[in-house]
Amino acid sequence: MNFFRRNNKKSDPESIISSCLNSLYNRISDDLERKGYYWNKSWGVKRYESIVLSKFILDHSFESLTKEDVSEEGKSTYYFLSNKIFTSLFDEEFSEIGINSENMKEENDKKIQDYLLAYEDTSQNSAPYDKIYMLITGSDSPEKLEKEINRQRVCLKFLKCNDKFLHLLPDYKKRLKLLEQQASAFKLAEVMLPHMMRSARHKIKDINVKKLKSLGKKLLKKENKK
């Protein structure tokens, strides 16, 4: 009997959505704490960006895997659960510092929409994951950073050849090092973000589509009784 209960839990939509969102949230947050990102923001800011990004990855994974396999009723049920779980997790994390999902809804929705536009943008200016990382951190693009790095290197060569400007070398070297660090962070993001997308798809694919439909009917009945 316990065996069948465990199997039911594994395919239960709410359990899978909750597990996936929590896993994404903590793994992304932990990764963004790595020194290699050189992202000088507080832990709280990184947690905030991580939870909103996790919601985008979760919902996008659901959409990409189900597409025509889930009815509109099933999708409505999924988003009801996804939004409910996100709201609960967000409020648990941030209400103590005076913000909650309700007063941040507009900002959160905009961020998620921006991530979607960046991911689906087919222009050749920057890779999708680079654009998402830029939205998370506010970083300049890799292309812009590379241009500035090259400019700083030229300036350094000039300064080294002129005794009158040798006193400027430390500041220019410091600036060049910072730019190189910011550029190198994109390599970490280009590994982390696709990995999080794959991980979410792997979990979401286990959702029992039939249960989404039946759960939707139960939710509708509850709503009609109110």
Protein backbone atom coordinates (compact mmCIF):
# COMPACT_ATOMS: atom_id res chain seq x y z
CA MET A 1 0.00 0.00 0.00
CA ASN A 2 2.80 2.42 0.87
CA PHE A 3 4.47 1.64 -2.43
CA PHE A 4 1.46 2.86 -4.41
CA ARG A 5 1.20 5.97 -2.26
CA ARG A 6 4.78 6.86 -3.09
CA ASN A 7 4.13 6.37 -6.81
CA ASN A 8 1.06 8.59 -6.63
CA LYS A 9 3.08 11.28 -4.94
CA LYS A 10 5.74 11.10 -7.63
CA SER A 11 3.22 11.95 -10.34
CA ASP A 12 1.14 14.36 -8.25
CA PRO A 13 1.24 17.75 -10.04
CA GLU A 14 1.40 19.90 -6.91
CA SER A 15 4.22 17.83 -5.39
CA ILE A 16 6.26 17.92 -8.59
CA ILE A 17 5.77 21.65 -9.14
CA SER A 18 6.67 22.44 -5.53
CA SER A 19 9.74 20.19 -5.60
CA CYS A 20 10.94 21.63 -8.89
CA LEU A 21 10.49 25.28 -7.88
CA ASN A 22 12.23 24.81 -4.53
CA SER A 23 15.09 22.90 -6.13
CA LEU A 24 15.61 25.53 -8.83
CA TYR A 25 15.41 28.36 -6.33
CA ASN A 26 18.05 26.98 -3.99
CA ARG A 27 20.40 25.74 -6.70
CA ILE A 28 20.33 29.01 -8.66
CA SER A 29 20.76 31.06 -5.50
CA ASP A 30 23.72 28.94 -4.38
CA ASP A 31 25.33 29.19 -7.80
CA LEU A 32 24.99 32.99 -7.97
CA GLU A 33 26.86 33.19 -4.66
CA ARG A 34 29.99 31.87 -6.38
CA LYS A 35 32.85 34.35 -6.45
CA GLY A 36 33.35 33.76 -10.16
CA TYR A 37 30.29 35.85 -11.00
CA TYR A 38 31.84 38.96 -9.45
CA TRP A 39 28.29 40.19 -8.83
CA ASN A 40 28.56 42.59 -5.92
CA LYS A 41 25.01 42.41 -4.56
CA SER A 42 23.59 41.37 -1.21
CA TRP A 43 22.42 37.82 -0.50
CA GLY A 44 18.81 39.05 -0.37
CA VAL A 45 18.99 40.58 -3.85
CA LYS A 46 20.42 37.36 -5.24
CA ARG A 47 17.66 35.34 -3.56
CA TYR A 48 15.03 37.62 -5.06
CA GLU A 49 16.43 37.36 -8.57
CA SER A 50 16.78 33.59 -8.12
CA ILE A 51 13.17 32.94 -7.15
CA VAL A 52 11.73 34.96 -10.05
CA LEU A 53 14.11 33.30 -12.51
CA SER A 54 13.09 29.90 -11.09
CA LYS A 55 9.43 30.68 -11.75
CA PHE A 56 10.25 31.54 -15.37
CA ILE A 57 12.26 28.34 -15.87
CA LEU A 58 9.54 26.24 -14.25
CA ASP A 59 6.70 27.65 -16.38
CA HIS A 60 8.71 27.69 -19.59
CA SER A 61 9.69 24.05 -19.05
CA PHE A 62 6.04 23.10 -18.58
CA GLU A 63 5.03 24.94 -21.76
CA SER A 64 7.84 23.49 -23.85
CA LEU A 65 7.16 19.91 -22.76
CA THR A 66 3.37 19.83 -22.85
CA LYS A 67 2.35 22.11 -25.75
CA GLU A 68 -0.48 20.21 -27.45
CA ASP A 69 -0.63 17.41 -24.87
CA VAL A 70 -2.45 19.45 -22.23
CA SER A 71 -5.87 21.05 -22.61
CA GLU A 72 -6.51 24.69 -21.75
CA GLU A 73 -8.22 23.42 -18.61
CA GLY A 74 -5.09 21.46 -17.69
CA LYS A 75 -2.88 24.49 -18.32
CA SER A 76 -5.11 26.66 -16.16
CA THR A 77 -4.78 24.11 -13.37
CA TYR A 78 -1.00 24.04 -13.76
CA TYR A 79 -0.72 27.82 -13.53
CA PHE A 80 -3.08 27.91 -10.57
CA LEU A 81 -0.74 25.53 -8.74
CA SER A 82 2.43 27.17 -10.00
CA ASN A 83 1.29 30.63 -8.94
CA LYS A 84 0.03 29.38 -5.57
CA ILE A 85 3.29 27.61 -4.76
CA PHE A 86 5.39 30.55 -5.95
CA THR A 87 3.32 32.99 -3.88
CA SER A 88 3.66 30.86 -0.77
CA LEU A 89 7.42 30.45 -1.19
CA PHE A 90 7.94 34.13 -2.03
CA ASP A 91 5.96 35.35 0.98
CA GLU A 92 7.69 32.91 3.31
CA GLU A 93 11.06 34.21 2.14
CA PHE A 94 10.48 37.96 1.92
CA SER A 95 7.47 39.02 4.02
CA GLU A 96 9.67 39.54 7.06
CA ILE A 97 11.54 42.32 5.25
CA GLY A 98 8.36 44.05 4.16
CA ILE A 99 7.71 42.77 0.65
CA ASN A 100 5.29 40.13 -0.54
CA SER A 101 4.13 38.60 -3.80
CA GLU A 102 1.08 40.84 -4.00
CA ASN A 103 2.90 44.16 -3.92
CA MET A 104 5.70 42.78 -6.14
CA LYS A 105 3.41 41.13 -8.68
CA GLU A 106 3.84 43.74 -11.41
CA GLU A 107 7.63 43.73 -11.04
CA ASN A 108 7.80 39.93 -10.91
CA ASP A 109 5.57 39.49 -13.96
CA LYS A 110 7.65 41.99 -15.92
CA LYS A 111 10.88 40.17 -15.08
CA ILE A 112 9.40 36.84 -16.15
CA GLN A 113 8.16 38.36 -19.41
CA ASP A 114 11.60 39.91 -20.04
CA TYR A 115 13.24 36.51 -19.50
CA LEU A 116 10.85 34.96 -21.99
CA LEU A 117 11.54 37.64 -24.61
CA ALA A 118 15.29 37.28 -24.08
CA TYR A 119 15.13 33.48 -24.35
CA GLU A 120 13.06 33.56 -27.54
CA ASP A 121 14.97 36.42 -29.18
CA THR A 122 16.58 35.07 -32.35
CA SER A 123 18.75 38.11 -33.10
CA GLN A 124 22.48 37.58 -33.31
CA ASN A 125 23.53 40.33 -30.89
CA SER A 126 23.91 38.02 -27.89
CA ALA A 127 23.08 34.41 -27.03
CA PRO A 128 19.78 33.86 -25.15
CA TYR A 129 21.47 32.81 -21.92
CA ASP A 130 23.78 35.81 -22.08
CA LYS A 131 20.73 38.07 -22.33
CA ILE A 132 19.07 36.39 -19.35
CA TYR A 133 22.25 36.78 -17.30
CA MET A 134 22.39 40.46 -18.26
CA LEU A 135 18.81 40.89 -17.02
CA ILE A 136 19.61 39.15 -13.74
CA THR A 137 22.76 41.11 -12.92
CA GLY A 138 22.51 44.32 -14.96
CA SER A 139 25.83 43.47 -16.63
CA ASP A 140 26.90 44.91 -19.96
CA SER A 141 26.86 42.50 -22.89
CA PRO A 142 29.91 40.30 -23.57
CA GLU A 143 30.45 42.25 -26.79
CA LYS A 144 30.45 45.61 -25.03
CA LEU A 145 32.73 44.29 -22.30
CA GLU A 146 35.16 42.91 -24.87
CA LYS A 147 35.33 46.26 -26.68
CA GLU A 148 36.04 48.05 -23.42
CA ILE A 149 38.66 45.45 -22.45
CA ASN A 150 40.47 45.98 -25.75
CA ARG A 151 40.30 49.75 -25.30
CA GLN A 152 41.75 49.49 -21.79
CA ARG A 153 44.58 47.29 -23.05
CA VAL A 154 45.48 49.87 -25.69
CA CYS A 155 45.43 52.59 -23.03
CA LEU A 156 47.72 50.56 -20.81
CA LYS A 157 50.26 50.11 -23.60
CA PHE A 158 50.24 53.84 -24.17
CA LEU A 159 50.65 54.65 -20.47
CA LYS A 160 53.56 52.24 -20.09
CA CYS A 161 55.42 54.04 -22.85
CA ASN A 162 55.02 57.48 -21.27
CA ASP A 163 56.76 58.25 -17.98
CA LYS A 164 54.40 61.17 -17.32
CA PHE A 165 51.42 58.81 -17.05
CA LEU A 166 52.96 55.93 -15.10
CA HIS A 167 51.10 57.03 -11.97
CA LEU A 168 47.82 56.17 -13.74
CA LEU A 169 48.78 52.55 -14.33
CA PRO A 170 47.38 51.08 -11.06
CA ASP A 171 43.89 52.47 -11.70
CA TYR A 172 43.84 51.30 -15.32
CA LYS A 173 45.07 47.84 -14.36
CA LYS A 174 42.39 47.60 -11.69
CA ARG A 175 39.72 48.64 -14.18
CA LEU A 176 40.96 46.12 -16.75
CA LYS A 177 40.95 43.28 -14.22
CA LEU A 178 37.36 44.09 -13.19
CA LEU A 179 36.19 44.09 -16.82
CA GLU A 180 37.90 40.76 -17.47
CA GLN A 181 36.24 39.28 -14.39
CA GLN A 182 32.80 40.52 -15.47
CA ALA A 183 33.32 39.04 -18.93
CA SER A 184 34.45 35.67 -17.54
CA ALA A 185 31.25 35.39 -15.47
CA PHE A 186 29.23 34.78 -18.63
CA LYS A 187 31.00 31.42 -19.01
CA LEU A 188 29.60 30.31 -15.66
CA ALA A 189 26.10 31.50 -16.58
CA GLU A 190 26.29 29.69 -19.93
CA VAL A 191 26.80 26.46 -18.00
CA MET A 192 24.41 27.07 -15.10
CA LEU A 193 21.33 28.35 -16.95
CA PRO A 194 21.02 25.54 -19.54
CA HIS A 195 21.61 23.02 -16.75
CA MET A 196 18.73 24.51 -14.74
CA MET A 197 16.47 24.35 -17.81
CA ARG A 198 17.31 20.68 -18.38
CA SER A 199 16.81 19.87 -14.71
CA ALA A 200 13.37 21.52 -14.68
CA ARG A 201 12.27 19.67 -17.83
CA HIS A 202 13.41 16.39 -16.32
CA LYS A 203 11.22 16.95 -13.25
CA ILE A 204 8.21 18.46 -15.02
CA LYS A 205 7.92 15.60 -17.52
CA ASP A 206 6.75 13.36 -14.65
CA ILE A 207 3.56 15.37 -14.11
CA ASN A 208 0.49 13.21 -14.60
CA VAL A 209 -1.49 15.12 -17.25
CA LYS A 210 -4.73 13.26 -16.41
CA LYS A 211 -4.38 14.33 -12.80
CA LEU A 212 -4.07 17.94 -13.92
CA LYS A 213 -7.41 17.62 -15.69
CA SER A 214 -9.19 15.90 -12.79
CA LEU A 215 -7.67 18.32 -10.29
CA GLY A 216 -8.94 21.21 -12.41
CA LYS A 217 -12.49 19.89 -12.10
CA LYS A 218 -12.14 19.62 -8.33
CA LEU A 219 -10.84 23.18 -8.09
CA LEU A 220 -13.72 24.41 -10.25
CA LYS A 221 -16.25 22.69 -7.99
CA LYS A 222 -14.67 24.31 -4.92
CA GLU A 223 -14.79 27.70 -6.63
CA ASN A 224 -18.47 27.26 -7.54
CA LYS A 225 -19.36 26.38 -3.94
CA LYS A 226 -17.99 29.67 -2.64
